[in-house]
Amino acid sequence: MFIEKNIYMRSLRRRRKITIYVPDDYQTSNKRYPVLYINDGQNAFFDEESYMGVSWGFFDYVKENNLDIIMVAIPCNFKLNKREDEYGPWPIKKEVLLMEYGDDSIKVGGEGDKYMRFIIKQLKPYIDKNFPTIVDDCAMVGSSMGGIITSYAGIKYSHIFKKTASLSTAYWFYVDEFIDLINKSDLSPIECFYLDLGGNEGNGDENISRIYYESNERIFNELIKKSDKIEARFFEDAVHNEFEWRKRVPIFMELFYRR
């Protein structure tokens, strides 16, 4: 069953339509359910609704595997550079701006903590109040820039988001910032921190693929110093798109919810 909720995001002062999936019998089952928060939620469930015409297929996955969970899909902000703003915990440095946008005079990034405040202080309490959740069984998933904010949640707020999956994460936007955050954070609450990478994240651009690989390797090496719950995967031929990420859904879902 899908429920749509139009929510005013107080910390960001804008609206977003959230899609909530709940098991059909959630009102009569007397069960409580873990919750998965999905960034870039427009790509979560159905191909015809997804940005690139290929969804991650979460609905098909839970049905095929008889998995009873609640899923909260939060679509990204499609306005110019606002996805990067909301998913970026820090302002993007000039050298990265020049490489990614060809202009180091613009200001992009830095709303990530406001976005997390919306989820932690507003959205999660709403979900926990109105649906039969297991309050402390909370996971998050995202890819690319969505992987940035997912990793940020799993590191800074590991006591809330104990299970996270960051796919093809653009760590190269914030390598130094993430290393600093990892070093000063308590990662002991982590139950599963999944990260993965394809060998062709640059979609044919070898320099971009190299940057993805090197930055992911640095973050991985820092994470494993602080936690033994880090799960990393590498897919040598994988490119950077939803088709590839959909194929990896069973991997982290099994890690999150294996029974």
C-alpha atoms as a PDB file:
ATOM      1  CA  MET A   1       0.000   0.000   0.000  1.00  0.00           C
ATOM      2  CA  PHE A   2       1.275   3.454  -0.914  1.00  0.00           C
ATOM      3  CA  ILE A   3       0.442   6.633   0.962  1.00  0.00           C
ATOM      4  CA  GLU A   4       1.439  10.076  -0.269  1.00  0.00           C
ATOM      5  CA  LYS A   5       2.043  12.964   2.094  1.00  0.00           C
ATOM      6  CA  ASN A   6       2.802  16.544   1.112  1.00  0.00           C
ATOM      7  CA  ILE A   7       5.054  17.906   3.840  1.00  0.00           C
ATOM      8  CA  TYR A   8       6.399  21.368   4.535  1.00  0.00           C
ATOM      9  CA  MET A   9      10.083  20.872   5.382  1.00  0.00           C
ATOM     10  CA  ARG A  10      10.492  23.372   8.203  1.00  0.00           C
ATOM     11  CA  SER A  11      14.299  23.369   8.282  1.00  0.00           C
ATOM     12  CA  LEU A  12      14.503  23.975   4.511  1.00  0.00           C
ATOM     13  CA  ARG A  13      11.356  26.102   4.106  1.00  0.00           C
ATOM     14  CA  ARG A  14      10.048  24.181   1.119  1.00  0.00           C
ATOM     15  CA  ARG A  15       7.550  21.435   0.350  1.00  0.00           C
ATOM     16  CA  ARG A  16       8.088  17.860  -0.747  1.00  0.00           C
ATOM     17  CA  LYS A  17       5.699  15.033  -1.624  1.00  0.00           C
ATOM     18  CA  ILE A  18       6.775  11.940   0.290  1.00  0.00           C
ATOM     19  CA  THR A  19       5.714   8.429  -0.753  1.00  0.00           C
ATOM     20  CA  ILE A  20       5.325   5.911   2.055  1.00  0.00           C
ATOM     21  CA  TYR A  21       5.061   2.180   1.415  1.00  0.00           C
ATOM     22  CA  VAL A  22       3.475   0.082   4.151  1.00  0.00           C
ATOM     23  CA  PRO A  23       2.473  -3.597   4.140  1.00  0.00           C
ATOM     24  CA  ASP A  24      -1.177  -3.973   3.126  1.00  0.00           C
ATOM     25  CA  ASP A  25      -2.181  -5.442   6.484  1.00  0.00           C
ATOM     26  CA  TYR A  26      -0.208  -3.039   8.665  1.00  0.00           C
ATOM     27  CA  GLN A  27      -3.341  -1.881  10.503  1.00  0.00           C
ATOM     28  CA  THR A  28      -4.439  -5.385  11.517  1.00  0.00           C
ATOM     29  CA  SER A  29      -1.251  -7.451  11.672  1.00  0.00           C
ATOM     30  CA  ASN A  30      -0.162  -6.366  15.179  1.00  0.00           C
ATOM     31  CA  LYS A  31       3.378  -6.249  13.793  1.00  0.00           C
ATOM     32  CA  ARG A  32       5.948  -3.502  14.029  1.00  0.00           C
ATOM     33  CA  TYR A  33       8.215  -2.814  11.076  1.00  0.00           C
ATOM     34  CA  PRO A  34      11.736  -1.574  10.367  1.00  0.00           C
ATOM     35  CA  VAL A  35      11.915   1.591   8.260  1.00  0.00           C
ATOM     36  CA  LEU A  36      14.044   2.299   5.194  1.00  0.00           C
ATOM     37  CA  TYR A  37      14.462   5.939   4.121  1.00  0.00           C
ATOM     38  CA  ILE A  38      15.236   6.274   0.403  1.00  0.00           C
ATOM     39  CA  ASN A  39      16.968   9.337  -1.043  1.00  0.00           C
ATOM     40  CA  ASP A  40      16.184  10.211  -4.669  1.00  0.00           C
ATOM     41  CA  GLY A  41      12.866   8.606  -3.845  1.00  0.00           C
ATOM     42  CA  GLN A  42      11.439   9.395  -7.290  1.00  0.00           C
ATOM     43  CA  ASN A  43      13.470   6.383  -8.460  1.00  0.00           C
ATOM     44  CA  ALA A  44      12.414   4.020  -5.689  1.00  0.00           C
ATOM     45  CA  PHE A  45       9.474   1.979  -6.925  1.00  0.00           C
ATOM     46  CA  PHE A  46       8.271   2.177 -10.538  1.00  0.00           C
ATOM     47  CA  ASP A  47      10.072   2.651 -13.837  1.00  0.00           C
ATOM     48  CA  GLU A  48       7.442   5.002 -15.252  1.00  0.00           C
ATOM     49  CA  GLU A  49       7.867   7.370 -12.307  1.00  0.00           C
ATOM     50  CA  SER A  50      11.655   7.363 -12.148  1.00  0.00           C
ATOM     51  CA  TYR A  51      13.836  10.130 -13.496  1.00  0.00           C
ATOM     52  CA  MET A  52      15.757   7.985 -15.994  1.00  0.00           C
ATOM     53  CA  GLY A  53      12.998   5.486 -16.749  1.00  0.00           C
ATOM     54  CA  VAL A  54      14.542   2.772 -14.568  1.00  0.00           C
ATOM     55  CA  SER A  55      13.616   2.423 -10.897  1.00  0.00           C
ATOM     56  CA  TRP A  56      15.442   0.625  -8.119  1.00  0.00           C
ATOM     57  CA  GLY A  57      12.522  -1.813  -7.912  1.00  0.00           C
ATOM     58  CA  PHE A  58      12.114  -1.755  -4.131  1.00  0.00           C
ATOM     59  CA  PHE A  59       8.408  -2.645  -4.350  1.00  0.00           C
ATOM     60  CA  ASP A  60       9.131  -5.682  -6.528  1.00  0.00           C
ATOM     61  CA  TYR A  61      11.934  -6.727  -4.197  1.00  0.00           C
ATOM     62  CA  VAL A  62       9.894  -6.679  -0.979  1.00  0.00           C
ATOM     63  CA  LYS A  63       7.001  -8.493  -2.639  1.00  0.00           C
ATOM     64  CA  GLU A  64       9.205 -11.186  -4.164  1.00  0.00           C
ATOM     65  CA  ASN A  65      10.982 -11.749  -0.844  1.00  0.00           C
ATOM     66  CA  ASN A  66       7.951 -11.433   1.468  1.00  0.00           C
ATOM     67  CA  LEU A  67       9.779  -8.716   3.345  1.00  0.00           C
ATOM     68  CA  ASP A  68       7.682  -6.735   5.794  1.00  0.00           C
ATOM     69  CA  ILE A  69       9.156  -3.252   6.043  1.00  0.00           C
ATOM     70  CA  ILE A  70       8.045   0.353   5.760  1.00  0.00           C
ATOM     71  CA  MET A  71       9.777   2.414   3.065  1.00  0.00           C
ATOM     72  CA  VAL A  72       9.814   6.206   2.969  1.00  0.00           C
ATOM     73  CA  ALA A  73      10.784   7.616  -0.434  1.00  0.00           C
ATOM     74  CA  ILE A  74      11.932  11.250  -0.426  1.00  0.00           C
ATOM     75  CA  PRO A  75      12.294  12.674  -3.950  1.00  0.00           C
ATOM     76  CA  CYS A  76      15.176  15.004  -4.650  1.00  0.00           C
ATOM     77  CA  ASN A  77      14.890  18.718  -5.343  1.00  0.00           C
ATOM     78  CA  PHE A  78      14.957  19.109  -9.129  1.00  0.00           C
ATOM     79  CA  LYS A  79      15.665  22.848  -9.159  1.00  0.00           C
ATOM     80  CA  LEU A  80      19.067  23.970 -10.465  1.00  0.00           C
ATOM     81  CA  ASN A  81      21.825  22.705  -8.125  1.00  0.00           C
ATOM     82  CA  LYS A  82      19.322  22.159  -5.294  1.00  0.00           C
ATOM     83  CA  ARG A  83      19.858  18.392  -5.250  1.00  0.00           C
ATOM     84  CA  GLU A  84      23.540  19.045  -4.584  1.00  0.00           C
ATOM     85  CA  ASP A  85      22.596  21.674  -1.992  1.00  0.00           C
ATOM     86  CA  GLU A  86      20.317  19.362  -0.023  1.00  0.00           C
ATOM     87  CA  TYR A  87      22.547  16.300  -0.281  1.00  0.00           C
ATOM     88  CA  GLY A  88      25.747  18.263   0.338  1.00  0.00           C
ATOM     89  CA  PRO A  89      26.606  18.597   4.041  1.00  0.00           C
ATOM     90  CA  TRP A  90      29.251  21.226   3.314  1.00  0.00           C
ATOM     91  CA  PRO A  91      29.800  23.921   0.658  1.00  0.00           C
ATOM     92  CA  ILE A  92      31.609  22.400  -2.317  1.00  0.00           C
ATOM     93  CA  LYS A  93      35.199  23.586  -2.657  1.00  0.00           C
ATOM     94  CA  LYS A  94      36.258  25.770  -5.586  1.00  0.00           C
ATOM     95  CA  GLU A  95      38.424  23.137  -7.282  1.00  0.00           C
ATOM     96  CA  VAL A  96      35.516  20.677  -7.291  1.00  0.00           C
ATOM     97  CA  LEU A  97      33.106  23.343  -8.526  1.00  0.00           C
ATOM     98  CA  LEU A  98      35.445  24.069 -11.417  1.00  0.00           C
ATOM     99  CA  MET A  99      35.728  20.397 -12.348  1.00  0.00           C
ATOM    100  CA  GLU A 100      32.034  19.569 -11.991  1.00  0.00           C
ATOM    101  CA  TYR A 101      30.353  22.799 -13.089  1.00  0.00           C
ATOM    102  CA  GLY A 102      33.084  24.687 -14.945  1.00  0.00           C
ATOM    103  CA  ASP A 103      32.545  27.673 -12.647  1.00  0.00           C
ATOM    104  CA  ASP A 104      34.202  28.155  -9.259  1.00  0.00           C
ATOM    105  CA  SER A 105      32.276  31.354  -8.475  1.00  0.00           C
ATOM    106  CA  ILE A 106      28.946  29.652  -7.745  1.00  0.00           C
ATOM    107  CA  LYS A 107      27.878  28.418  -4.330  1.00  0.00           C
ATOM    108  CA  VAL A 108      26.657  24.831  -4.166  1.00  0.00           C
ATOM    109  CA  GLY A 109      26.162  22.499  -1.196  1.00  0.00           C
ATOM    110  CA  GLY A 110      25.800  23.087   2.496  1.00  0.00           C
ATOM    111  CA  GLU A 111      22.139  22.304   3.193  1.00  0.00           C
ATOM    112  CA  GLY A 112      22.764  18.671   4.083  1.00  0.00           C
ATOM    113  CA  ASP A 113      22.424  19.092   7.816  1.00  0.00           C
ATOM    114  CA  LYS A 114      19.153  20.993   7.366  1.00  0.00           C
ATOM    115  CA  TYR A 115      17.932  18.096   5.210  1.00  0.00           C
ATOM    116  CA  MET A 116      18.935  15.636   7.921  1.00  0.00           C
ATOM    117  CA  ARG A 117      17.241  17.826  10.523  1.00  0.00           C
ATOM    118  CA  PHE A 118      14.044  17.552   8.484  1.00  0.00           C
ATOM    119  CA  ILE A 119      14.275  13.756   8.495  1.00  0.00           C
ATOM    120  CA  ILE A 120      15.309  13.357  12.144  1.00  0.00           C
ATOM    121  CA  LYS A 121      13.213  16.072  13.783  1.00  0.00           C
ATOM    122  CA  GLN A 122      10.141  16.083  11.542  1.00  0.00           C
ATOM    123  CA  LEU A 123       9.731  13.178   9.125  1.00  0.00           C
ATOM    124  CA  LYS A 124      10.893  10.293  11.327  1.00  0.00           C
ATOM    125  CA  PRO A 125       8.722  11.401  14.284  1.00  0.00           C
ATOM    126  CA  TYR A 126       5.736  11.606  11.916  1.00  0.00           C
ATOM    127  CA  ILE A 127       6.414   8.103  10.571  1.00  0.00           C
ATOM    128  CA  ASP A 128       6.966   6.648  14.048  1.00  0.00           C
ATOM    129  CA  LYS A 129       3.774   8.272  15.370  1.00  0.00           C
ATOM    130  CA  ASN A 130       1.462   7.287  12.524  1.00  0.00           C
ATOM    131  CA  PHE A 131       2.745   3.837  11.603  1.00  0.00           C
ATOM    132  CA  PRO A 132       3.748   0.753  13.639  1.00  0.00           C
ATOM    133  CA  THR A 133       7.502   1.117  13.348  1.00  0.00           C
ATOM    134  CA  ILE A 134      10.403  -0.424  15.199  1.00  0.00           C
ATOM    135  CA  VAL A 135      11.686   2.982  16.238  1.00  0.00           C
ATOM    136  CA  ASP A 136      15.364   2.090  16.492  1.00  0.00           C
ATOM    137  CA  ASP A 137      15.490  -0.118  13.363  1.00  0.00           C
ATOM    138  CA  CYS A 138      16.145   2.642  10.875  1.00  0.00           C
ATOM    139  CA  ALA A 139      18.067   2.448   7.589  1.00  0.00           C
ATOM    140  CA  MET A 140      18.893   4.797   4.717  1.00  0.00           C
ATOM    141  CA  VAL A 141      19.976   4.346   1.115  1.00  0.00           C
ATOM    142  CA  GLY A 142      21.226   6.645  -1.636  1.00  0.00           C
ATOM    143  CA  SER A 143      23.498   6.781  -4.674  1.00  0.00           C
ATOM    144  CA  SER A 144      26.006   9.304  -6.027  1.00  0.00           C
ATOM    145  CA  MET A 145      25.142  12.587  -4.243  1.00  0.00           C
ATOM    146  CA  GLY A 146      22.418  10.629  -2.480  1.00  0.00           C
ATOM    147  CA  GLY A 147      25.232   8.404  -1.264  1.00  0.00           C
ATOM    148  CA  ILE A 148      26.904  11.493   0.185  1.00  0.00           C
ATOM    149  CA  ILE A 149      23.971  12.363   2.432  1.00  0.00           C
ATOM    150  CA  THR A 150      23.422   8.687   3.260  1.00  0.00           C
ATOM    151  CA  SER A 151      27.046   8.306   4.362  1.00  0.00           C
ATOM    152  CA  TYR A 152      26.776  11.530   6.334  1.00  0.00           C
ATOM    153  CA  ALA A 153      23.715  10.131   8.118  1.00  0.00           C
ATOM    154  CA  GLY A 154      25.465   6.825   8.811  1.00  0.00           C
ATOM    155  CA  ILE A 155      28.504   8.553  10.301  1.00  0.00           C
ATOM    156  CA  LYS A 156      27.188  11.624  12.118  1.00  0.00           C
ATOM    157  CA  TYR A 157      23.876  10.067  13.131  1.00  0.00           C
ATOM    158  CA  SER A 158      24.895   6.418  13.415  1.00  0.00           C
ATOM    159  CA  HIS A 159      22.847   6.104  16.618  1.00  0.00           C
ATOM    160  CA  ILE A 160      19.723   6.689  14.466  1.00  0.00           C
ATOM    161  CA  PHE A 161      20.668   5.315  11.039  1.00  0.00           C
ATOM    162  CA  LYS A 162      22.411   2.144  12.110  1.00  0.00           C
ATOM    163  CA  LYS A 163      22.169   0.608   8.632  1.00  0.00           C
ATOM    164  CA  THR A 164      23.096   2.564   5.512  1.00  0.00           C
ATOM    165  CA  ALA A 165      23.816   1.790   1.857  1.00  0.00           C
ATOM    166  CA  SER A 166      25.833   4.315  -0.156  1.00  0.00           C
ATOM    167  CA  LEU A 167      26.144   3.294  -3.806  1.00  0.00           C
ATOM    168  CA  SER A 168      28.606   4.861  -6.268  1.00  0.00           C
ATOM    169  CA  THR A 169      29.129   7.697  -3.828  1.00  0.00           C
ATOM    170  CA  ALA A 170      30.699  10.942  -5.046  1.00  0.00           C
ATOM    171  CA  TYR A 171      33.041  11.142  -2.060  1.00  0.00           C
ATOM    172  CA  TRP A 172      35.473  13.173  -4.172  1.00  0.00           C
ATOM    173  CA  PHE A 173      33.302  16.230  -3.512  1.00  0.00           C
ATOM    174  CA  TYR A 174      34.171  16.047   0.199  1.00  0.00           C
ATOM    175  CA  VAL A 175      37.113  13.734   0.921  1.00  0.00           C
ATOM    176  CA  ASP A 176      38.764  15.872   3.608  1.00  0.00           C
ATOM    177  CA  GLU A 177      35.458  16.710   5.262  1.00  0.00           C
ATOM    178  CA  PHE A 178      34.433  13.060   5.464  1.00  0.00           C
ATOM    179  CA  ILE A 179      37.788  11.964   6.853  1.00  0.00           C
ATOM    180  CA  ASP A 180      37.518  14.614   9.558  1.00  0.00           C
ATOM    181  CA  LEU A 181      33.929  13.576  10.345  1.00  0.00           C
ATOM    182  CA  ILE A 182      34.859   9.898  10.564  1.00  0.00           C
ATOM    183  CA  ASN A 183      37.771  10.613  12.888  1.00  0.00           C
ATOM    184  CA  LYS A 184      35.684  12.607  15.348  1.00  0.00           C
ATOM    185  CA  SER A 185      32.529  10.455  15.258  1.00  0.00           C
ATOM    186  CA  ASP A 186      31.469   7.508  17.393  1.00  0.00           C
ATOM    187  CA  LEU A 187      30.760   4.714  14.922  1.00  0.00           C
ATOM    188  CA  SER A 188      30.064   2.018  17.511  1.00  0.00           C
ATOM    189  CA  PRO A 189      26.266   2.014  16.902  1.00  0.00           C
ATOM    190  CA  ILE A 190      26.732   0.978  13.249  1.00  0.00           C
ATOM    191  CA  GLU A 191      25.145  -2.357  12.380  1.00  0.00           C
ATOM    192  CA  CYS A 192      25.874  -2.217   8.642  1.00  0.00           C
ATOM    193  CA  PHE A 193      27.608   0.482   6.611  1.00  0.00           C
ATOM    194  CA  TYR A 194      27.485  -0.679   2.994  1.00  0.00           C
ATOM    195  CA  LEU A 195      29.355   1.140   0.237  1.00  0.00           C
ATOM    196  CA  ASP A 196      30.042   0.084  -3.311  1.00  0.00           C
ATOM    197  CA  LEU A 197      31.568   1.300  -6.541  1.00  0.00           C
ATOM    198  CA  GLY A 198      31.666   0.505 -10.232  1.00  0.00           C
ATOM    199  CA  GLY A 199      34.847   0.471 -12.269  1.00  0.00           C
ATOM    200  CA  ASN A 200      33.341   2.788 -14.895  1.00  0.00           C
ATOM    201  CA  GLU A 201      31.685   5.461 -12.750  1.00  0.00           C
ATOM    202  CA  GLY A 202      32.846   8.056 -15.264  1.00  0.00           C
ATOM    203  CA  ASN A 203      30.730   6.378 -17.958  1.00  0.00           C
ATOM    204  CA  GLY A 204      33.745   6.219 -20.248  1.00  0.00           C
ATOM    205  CA  ASP A 205      35.718   9.097 -18.702  1.00  0.00           C
ATOM    206  CA  GLU A 206      38.736   7.339 -17.209  1.00  0.00           C
ATOM    207  CA  ASN A 207      39.786  10.368 -15.156  1.00  0.00           C
ATOM    208  CA  ILE A 208      36.403  10.611 -13.422  1.00  0.00           C
ATOM    209  CA  SER A 209      36.390   6.849 -12.818  1.00  0.00           C
ATOM    210  CA  ARG A 210      39.851   7.142 -11.243  1.00  0.00           C
ATOM    211  CA  ILE A 211      38.718  10.006  -9.003  1.00  0.00           C
ATOM    212  CA  TYR A 212      35.720   7.970  -7.835  1.00  0.00           C
ATOM    213  CA  TYR A 213      37.927   4.966  -7.094  1.00  0.00           C
ATOM    214  CA  GLU A 214      40.615   6.876  -5.225  1.00  0.00           C
ATOM    215  CA  SER A 215      38.174   8.848  -3.093  1.00  0.00           C
ATOM    216  CA  ASN A 216      36.099   5.773  -2.220  1.00  0.00           C
ATOM    217  CA  GLU A 217      39.274   3.892  -1.300  1.00  0.00           C
ATOM    218  CA  ARG A 218      40.365   6.674   1.065  1.00  0.00           C
ATOM    219  CA  ILE A 219      36.979   6.803   2.792  1.00  0.00           C
ATOM    220  CA  PHE A 220      36.824   3.017   3.087  1.00  0.00           C
ATOM    221  CA  ASN A 221      40.289   2.892   4.657  1.00  0.00           C
ATOM    222  CA  GLU A 222      39.244   5.457   7.270  1.00  0.00           C
ATOM    223  CA  LEU A 223      35.959   3.703   8.034  1.00  0.00           C
ATOM    224  CA  ILE A 224      37.512   0.312   8.702  1.00  0.00           C
ATOM    225  CA  LYS A 225      39.748   1.893  11.349  1.00  0.00           C
ATOM    226  CA  LYS A 226      36.637   2.777  13.349  1.00  0.00           C
ATOM    227  CA  SER A 227      34.172  -0.067  12.683  1.00  0.00           C
ATOM    228  CA  ASP A 228      34.117  -3.759  11.790  1.00  0.00           C
ATOM    229  CA  LYS A 229      30.622  -3.375  10.310  1.00  0.00           C
ATOM    230  CA  ILE A 230      31.785  -1.941   6.982  1.00  0.00           C
ATOM    231  CA  GLU A 231      30.672  -3.859   3.882  1.00  0.00           C
ATOM    232  CA  ALA A 232      32.308  -2.850   0.585  1.00  0.00           C
ATOM    233  CA  ARG A 233      31.738  -4.189  -2.931  1.00  0.00           C
ATOM    234  CA  PHE A 234      33.395  -3.406  -6.268  1.00  0.00           C
ATOM    235  CA  PHE A 235      31.799  -4.068  -9.670  1.00  0.00           C
ATOM    236  CA  GLU A 236      34.514  -3.823 -12.278  1.00  0.00           C
ATOM    237  CA  ASP A 237      32.407  -3.064 -15.357  1.00  0.00           C
ATOM    238  CA  ALA A 238      29.548  -1.131 -13.729  1.00  0.00           C
ATOM    239  CA  VAL A 239      28.701   2.371 -14.928  1.00  0.00           C
ATOM    240  CA  HIS A 240      26.986   5.205 -13.044  1.00  0.00           C
ATOM    241  CA  ASN A 241      23.227   4.812 -13.428  1.00  0.00           C
ATOM    242  CA  GLU A 242      19.989   3.451 -11.943  1.00  0.00           C
ATOM    243  CA  PHE A 243      20.131   0.277 -14.010  1.00  0.00           C
ATOM    244  CA  GLU A 244      23.333  -0.735 -12.222  1.00  0.00           C
ATOM    245  CA  TRP A 245      22.084   0.324  -8.786  1.00  0.00           C
ATOM    246  CA  ARG A 246      18.890  -1.678  -9.168  1.00  0.00           C
ATOM    247  CA  LYS A 247      20.979  -4.836  -9.589  1.00  0.00           C
ATOM    248  CA  ARG A 248      22.687  -4.162  -6.245  1.00  0.00           C
ATOM    249  CA  VAL A 249      19.490  -3.744  -4.191  1.00  0.00           C
ATOM    250  CA  PRO A 250      19.376  -7.437  -3.160  1.00  0.00           C
ATOM    251  CA  ILE A 251      22.932  -7.222  -1.802  1.00  0.00           C
ATOM    252  CA  PHE A 252      22.397  -4.530   0.804  1.00  0.00           C
ATOM    253  CA  MET A 253      18.791  -5.506   1.541  1.00  0.00           C
ATOM    254  CA  GLU A 254      20.016  -8.981   2.454  1.00  0.00           C
ATOM    255  CA  LEU A 255      22.665  -7.433   4.705  1.00  0.00           C
ATOM    256  CA  PHE A 256      20.056  -5.195   6.358  1.00  0.00           C
ATOM    257  CA  TYR A 257      17.241  -7.690   6.801  1.00  0.00           C
ATOM    258  CA  ARG A 258      18.670 -11.196   6.634  1.00  0.00           C
ATOM    259  CA  ARG A 259      16.677 -13.524   8.807  1.00  0.00           C
END
